[in-house]
Amino acid sequence: MSGPMRQRQQALDRVNEEIAREKAASLGRAGERLEDALAEVAALAARVGAAADAAERARLVAQHEAARVRAAQRRLALIIQREAMGLRSHRVLDQQFPEPRRLAGEAGA
């Protein structure tokens, strides 16, 4: 390979490496956003269990449902991003980050 061709190939290799690093970092950030959302859901579920009265419980259940929906949206965003990168199997994602469930007694549970 001649000098100019080698330089072009090296430049292309550097760009491809940068793209791969950014894809990995982007997936990592999406995973972190999902982890944060799931932690919020879990924290609210614990608070619902410790609610002092029915009004507080109702307020916390509503907050839990909103947080659950946000977590489900972030999970779907991560799945879509994975699929866009060619990752079709989500078994590990399903095991590590299952979709948060509604609380028992919650409407639609």
N, C-alpha and C. Protein backbone atom coordinates (compact mmCIF):
# COMPACT_ATOMS: atom_id res chain seq x y z
N MET A 1 0.86 -1.17 0.00
CA MET A 1 0.00 0.00 0.00
C MET A 1 0.90 1.24 0.00
N SER A 2 0.59 2.17 -0.87
CA SER A 2 1.41 3.37 -1.00
C SER A 2 1.18 4.31 0.19
N GLY A 3 2.06 5.29 0.34
CA GLY A 3 2.00 6.23 1.45
C GLY A 3 0.65 6.92 1.60
N PRO A 4 0.14 7.58 0.54
CA PRO A 4 -1.16 8.26 0.67
C PRO A 4 -2.31 7.30 0.98
N MET A 5 -2.27 6.11 0.38
CA MET A 5 -3.32 5.12 0.65
C MET A 5 -3.26 4.65 2.11
N ARG A 6 -2.05 4.44 2.59
CA ARG A 6 -1.88 4.00 3.98
C ARG A 6 -2.37 5.09 4.93
N GLN A 7 -2.06 6.35 4.62
CA GLN A 7 -2.51 7.46 5.48
C GLN A 7 -4.04 7.53 5.51
N ARG A 8 -4.66 7.35 4.34
CA ARG A 8 -6.13 7.37 4.29
C ARG A 8 -6.71 6.22 5.12
N GLN A 9 -6.11 5.05 4.98
CA GLN A 9 -6.59 3.89 5.73
C GLN A 9 -6.43 4.11 7.24
N GLN A 10 -5.31 4.68 7.64
CA GLN A 10 -5.08 4.96 9.05
C GLN A 10 -6.09 5.98 9.57
N ALA A 11 -6.37 6.99 8.76
CA ALA A 11 -7.36 8.00 9.16
C ALA A 11 -8.75 7.36 9.29
N LEU A 12 -9.08 6.50 8.34
CA LEU A 12 -10.37 5.81 8.39
C LEU A 12 -10.44 4.90 9.62
N ASP A 13 -9.36 4.21 9.92
CA ASP A 13 -9.31 3.36 11.11
C ASP A 13 -9.52 4.17 12.38
N ARG A 14 -8.90 5.35 12.46
CA ARG A 14 -9.07 6.21 13.64
C ARG A 14 -10.52 6.67 13.78
N VAL A 15 -11.14 7.03 12.66
CA VAL A 15 -12.54 7.46 12.70
C VAL A 15 -13.43 6.30 13.14
N ASN A 16 -13.20 5.12 12.60
CA ASN A 16 -13.99 3.96 12.99
C ASN A 16 -13.82 3.62 14.47
N GLU A 17 -12.61 3.76 14.98
CA GLU A 17 -12.37 3.53 16.41
C GLU A 17 -13.13 4.56 17.25
N GLU A 18 -13.11 5.80 16.82
CA GLU A 18 -13.82 6.85 17.55
C GLU A 18 -15.33 6.59 17.54
N ILE A 19 -15.85 6.15 16.40
CA ILE A 19 -17.28 5.82 16.31
C ILE A 19 -17.62 4.68 17.26
N ALA A 20 -16.79 3.65 17.28
CA ALA A 20 -17.03 2.50 18.17
C ALA A 20 -17.00 2.94 19.63
N ARG A 21 -16.05 3.80 19.99
CA ARG A 21 -15.98 4.29 21.38
C ARG A 21 -17.23 5.08 21.74
N GLU A 22 -17.69 5.92 20.81
CA GLU A 22 -18.87 6.73 21.09
C GLU A 22 -20.13 5.87 21.20
N LYS A 23 -20.23 4.83 20.37
CA LYS A 23 -21.36 3.91 20.48
C LYS A 23 -21.38 3.25 21.86
N ALA A 24 -20.23 2.79 22.29
CA ALA A 24 -20.13 2.13 23.60
C ALA A 24 -20.48 3.11 24.72
N ALA A 25 -19.96 4.33 24.64
CA ALA A 25 -20.24 5.33 25.67
C ALA A 25 -21.72 5.69 25.68
N SER A 26 -22.31 5.80 24.50
CA SER A 26 -23.73 6.13 24.39
C SER A 26 -24.60 5.04 25.00
N LEU A 27 -24.27 3.78 24.73
CA LEU A 27 -25.00 2.67 25.35
C LEU A 27 -24.83 2.70 26.87
N GLY A 28 -23.64 3.01 27.32
CA GLY A 28 -23.39 3.10 28.75
C GLY A 28 -24.23 4.18 29.41
N ARG A 29 -24.32 5.33 28.76
CA ARG A 29 -25.14 6.42 29.32
C ARG A 29 -26.61 6.04 29.35
N ALA A 30 -27.09 5.38 28.31
CA ALA A 30 -28.49 4.94 28.28
C ALA A 30 -28.75 3.93 29.39
N GLY A 31 -27.80 3.04 29.62
CA GLY A 31 -27.93 2.07 30.71
C GLY A 31 -27.94 2.74 32.07
N GLU A 32 -27.12 3.76 32.24
CA GLU A 32 -27.09 4.50 33.51
C GLU A 32 -28.41 5.23 33.74
N ARG A 33 -28.97 5.81 32.68
CA ARG A 33 -30.27 6.49 32.83
C ARG A 33 -31.35 5.49 33.25
N LEU A 34 -31.30 4.29 32.68
CA LEU A 34 -32.26 3.26 33.06
C LEU A 34 -32.04 2.82 34.50
N GLU A 35 -30.81 2.62 34.90
CA GLU A 35 -30.52 2.24 36.30
C GLU A 35 -31.05 3.29 37.27
N ASP A 36 -30.83 4.56 36.95
CA ASP A 36 -31.32 5.65 37.81
C ASP A 36 -32.84 5.62 37.91
N ALA A 37 -33.50 5.41 36.77
CA ALA A 37 -34.97 5.37 36.77
C ALA A 37 -35.49 4.19 37.57
N LEU A 38 -34.84 3.04 37.44
CA LEU A 38 -35.27 1.86 38.20
C LEU A 38 -35.03 2.04 39.70
N ALA A 39 -33.96 2.73 40.05
CA ALA A 39 -33.70 3.01 41.47
C ALA A 39 -34.78 3.92 42.04
N GLU A 40 -35.23 4.88 41.25
CA GLU A 40 -36.31 5.77 41.70
C GLU A 40 -37.60 4.97 41.92
N VAL A 41 -37.90 4.05 41.00
CA VAL A 41 -39.09 3.21 41.14
C VAL A 41 -39.01 2.39 42.43
N ALA A 42 -37.86 1.78 42.67
CA ALA A 42 -37.68 0.95 43.88
C ALA A 42 -37.81 1.79 45.15
N ALA A 43 -37.24 2.98 45.14
CA ALA A 43 -37.31 3.85 46.32
C ALA A 43 -38.76 4.25 46.60
N LEU A 44 -39.50 4.57 45.56
CA LEU A 44 -40.90 4.94 45.76
C LEU A 44 -41.73 3.75 46.23
N ALA A 45 -41.44 2.57 45.72
CA ALA A 45 -42.16 1.37 46.17
C ALA A 45 -41.95 1.15 47.66
N ALA A 46 -40.74 1.37 48.13
CA ALA A 46 -40.44 1.22 49.56
C ALA A 46 -41.19 2.26 50.37
N ARG A 47 -41.26 3.48 49.85
CA ARG A 47 -41.97 4.54 50.57
C ARG A 47 -43.47 4.26 50.63
N VAL A 48 -44.03 3.68 49.55
CA VAL A 48 -45.45 3.34 49.56
C VAL A 48 -45.74 2.35 50.68
N GLY A 49 -44.86 1.38 50.83
CA GLY A 49 -45.03 0.38 51.88
C GLY A 49 -44.99 0.96 53.28
N ALA A 50 -44.33 2.09 53.44
CA ALA A 50 -44.20 2.72 54.75
C ALA A 50 -45.13 3.92 54.92
N ALA A 51 -46.06 4.11 53.98
CA ALA A 51 -46.96 5.27 54.04
C ALA A 51 -47.78 5.26 55.32
N ALA A 52 -47.90 6.46 55.91
CA ALA A 52 -48.59 6.59 57.21
C ALA A 52 -50.10 6.57 57.08
N ASP A 53 -50.63 7.06 55.95
CA ASP A 53 -52.08 7.10 55.80
C ASP A 53 -52.46 6.91 54.33
N ALA A 54 -53.76 6.82 54.08
CA ALA A 54 -54.26 6.54 52.73
C ALA A 54 -53.93 7.66 51.75
N ALA A 55 -54.00 8.90 52.20
CA ALA A 55 -53.71 10.02 51.30
C ALA A 55 -52.25 10.00 50.86
N GLU A 56 -51.36 9.77 51.82
CA GLU A 56 -49.93 9.70 51.48
C GLU A 56 -49.67 8.51 50.56
N ARG A 57 -50.32 7.39 50.85
CA ARG A 57 -50.15 6.21 50.01
C ARG A 57 -50.61 6.49 48.59
N ALA A 58 -51.75 7.14 48.43
CA ALA A 58 -52.28 7.45 47.10
C ALA A 58 -51.31 8.37 46.34
N ARG A 59 -50.76 9.36 47.03
CA ARG A 59 -49.81 10.28 46.40
C ARG A 59 -48.56 9.53 45.95
N LEU A 60 -48.05 8.66 46.82
CA LEU A 60 -46.84 7.90 46.50
C LEU A 60 -47.09 6.88 45.39
N VAL A 61 -48.28 6.29 45.39
CA VAL A 61 -48.62 5.34 44.31
C VAL A 61 -48.63 6.07 42.97
N ALA A 62 -49.17 7.27 42.93
CA ALA A 62 -49.18 8.05 41.69
C ALA A 62 -47.75 8.40 41.26
N GLN A 63 -46.91 8.77 42.20
CA GLN A 63 -45.51 9.06 41.88
C GLN A 63 -44.80 7.80 41.38
N HIS A 64 -45.10 6.69 42.02
CA HIS A 64 -44.50 5.41 41.61
C HIS A 64 -44.89 5.08 40.18
N GLU A 65 -46.17 5.25 39.85
CA GLU A 65 -46.63 4.93 38.50
C GLU A 65 -45.94 5.83 37.47
N ALA A 66 -45.80 7.11 37.77
CA ALA A 66 -45.11 8.02 36.85
C ALA A 66 -43.65 7.61 36.68
N ALA A 67 -43.01 7.25 37.77
CA ALA A 67 -41.61 6.80 37.70
C ALA A 67 -41.50 5.48 36.95
N ARG A 68 -42.47 4.60 37.13
CA ARG A 68 -42.48 3.31 36.43
C ARG A 68 -42.60 3.52 34.92
N VAL A 69 -43.45 4.45 34.52
CA VAL A 69 -43.61 4.76 33.09
C VAL A 69 -42.31 5.34 32.53
N ARG A 70 -41.67 6.25 33.28
CA ARG A 70 -40.38 6.81 32.82
C ARG A 70 -39.33 5.71 32.67
N ALA A 71 -39.28 4.80 33.63
CA ALA A 71 -38.31 3.71 33.56
C ALA A 71 -38.59 2.81 32.35
N ALA A 72 -39.85 2.52 32.10
CA ALA A 72 -40.21 1.69 30.94
C ALA A 72 -39.81 2.39 29.64
N GLN A 73 -39.98 3.72 29.58
CA GLN A 73 -39.58 4.47 28.39
C GLN A 73 -38.07 4.44 28.21
N ARG A 74 -37.32 4.58 29.29
CA ARG A 74 -35.86 4.53 29.20
C ARG A 74 -35.39 3.14 28.81
N ARG A 75 -36.08 2.13 29.28
CA ARG A 75 -35.74 0.75 28.91
C ARG A 75 -35.97 0.55 27.42
N LEU A 76 -37.11 1.03 26.92
CA LEU A 76 -37.41 0.92 25.50
C LEU A 76 -36.39 1.69 24.67
N ALA A 77 -35.99 2.87 25.13
CA ALA A 77 -34.99 3.66 24.41
C ALA A 77 -33.67 2.89 24.32
N LEU A 78 -33.28 2.21 25.39
CA LEU A 78 -32.06 1.42 25.38
C LEU A 78 -32.19 0.25 24.41
N ILE A 79 -33.34 -0.40 24.39
CA ILE A 79 -33.55 -1.51 23.46
C ILE A 79 -33.47 -1.02 22.02
N ILE A 80 -34.10 0.10 21.73
CA ILE A 80 -34.06 0.66 20.37
C ILE A 80 -32.64 1.01 19.98
N GLN A 81 -31.90 1.62 20.89
CA GLN A 81 -30.51 1.98 20.61
C GLN A 81 -29.67 0.73 20.35
N ARG A 82 -29.88 -0.30 21.14
CA ARG A 82 -29.15 -1.57 20.94
C ARG A 82 -29.47 -2.14 19.56
N GLU A 83 -30.75 -2.14 19.20
CA GLU A 83 -31.14 -2.69 17.90
C GLU A 83 -30.56 -1.87 16.76
N ALA A 84 -30.50 -0.56 16.92
CA ALA A 84 -29.91 0.30 15.88
C ALA A 84 -28.43 -0.01 15.68
N MET A 85 -27.80 -0.54 16.71
CA MET A 85 -26.38 -0.90 16.62
C MET A 85 -26.18 -2.36 16.22
N GLY A 86 -27.29 -3.04 15.92
CA GLY A 86 -27.18 -4.41 15.45
C GLY A 86 -27.30 -5.47 16.52
N LEU A 87 -27.57 -5.07 17.76
CA LEU A 87 -27.72 -6.03 18.86
C LEU A 87 -29.19 -6.44 18.94
N ARG A 88 -29.49 -7.64 18.51
CA ARG A 88 -30.89 -8.07 18.41
C ARG A 88 -31.38 -8.85 19.63
N SER A 89 -30.50 -9.48 20.36
CA SER A 89 -30.90 -10.26 21.52
C SER A 89 -30.84 -9.38 22.77
N HIS A 90 -31.92 -9.40 23.52
CA HIS A 90 -31.99 -8.55 24.72
C HIS A 90 -32.17 -9.40 25.97
N ARG A 91 -31.79 -10.66 25.91
CA ARG A 91 -31.96 -11.57 27.04
C ARG A 91 -31.26 -11.04 28.29
N VAL A 92 -30.03 -10.58 28.14
CA VAL A 92 -29.28 -10.05 29.29
C VAL A 92 -29.98 -8.81 29.84
N LEU A 93 -30.44 -7.95 28.96
CA LEU A 93 -31.16 -6.75 29.37
C LEU A 93 -32.44 -7.14 30.13
N ASP A 94 -33.15 -8.14 29.61
CA ASP A 94 -34.38 -8.60 30.28
C ASP A 94 -34.08 -9.14 31.67
N GLN A 95 -32.95 -9.81 31.82
CA GLN A 95 -32.60 -10.38 33.12
C GLN A 95 -32.11 -9.31 34.09
N GLN A 96 -31.27 -8.42 33.60
CA GLN A 96 -30.66 -7.42 34.48
C GLN A 96 -31.59 -6.25 34.77
N PHE A 97 -32.40 -5.88 33.80
CA PHE A 97 -33.28 -4.72 33.94
C PHE A 97 -34.71 -5.07 33.53
N PRO A 98 -35.40 -5.93 34.29
CA PRO A 98 -36.77 -6.26 33.90
C PRO A 98 -37.66 -5.02 33.97
N GLU A 99 -38.68 -5.02 33.15
CA GLU A 99 -39.59 -3.89 33.15
C GLU A 99 -40.27 -3.79 34.51
N PRO A 100 -40.27 -2.60 35.11
CA PRO A 100 -40.86 -2.46 36.45
C PRO A 100 -42.37 -2.71 36.40
N ARG A 101 -42.84 -3.39 37.40
CA ARG A 101 -44.26 -3.74 37.48
C ARG A 101 -45.03 -2.71 38.30
N ARG A 102 -46.32 -2.68 38.04
CA ARG A 102 -47.20 -1.83 38.85
C ARG A 102 -47.28 -2.40 40.26
N LEU A 103 -47.59 -1.54 41.20
CA LEU A 103 -47.78 -1.99 42.58
C LEU A 103 -49.07 -2.78 42.69
N ALA A 104 -49.10 -3.73 43.60
CA ALA A 104 -50.33 -4.49 43.85
C ALA A 104 -51.42 -3.53 44.30
N GLY A 105 -52.58 -3.67 43.74
CA GLY A 105 -53.68 -2.79 44.10
C GLY A 105 -53.73 -1.52 43.28
N GLU A 106 -52.72 -1.30 42.44
CA GLU A 106 -52.70 -0.12 41.59
C GLU A 106 -53.61 -0.36 40.40
N ALA A 107 -54.26 0.67 39.90
CA ALA A 107 -55.16 0.53 38.75
C ALA A 107 -54.40 -0.10 37.59
N GLY A 108 -54.97 -1.15 37.02
CA GLY A 108 -54.34 -1.82 35.88
C GLY A 108 -53.29 -2.84 36.26
N ALA A 109 -53.08 -3.06 37.56
CA ALA A 109 -52.04 -4.02 38.00
C ALA A 109 -52.47 -5.44 37.76
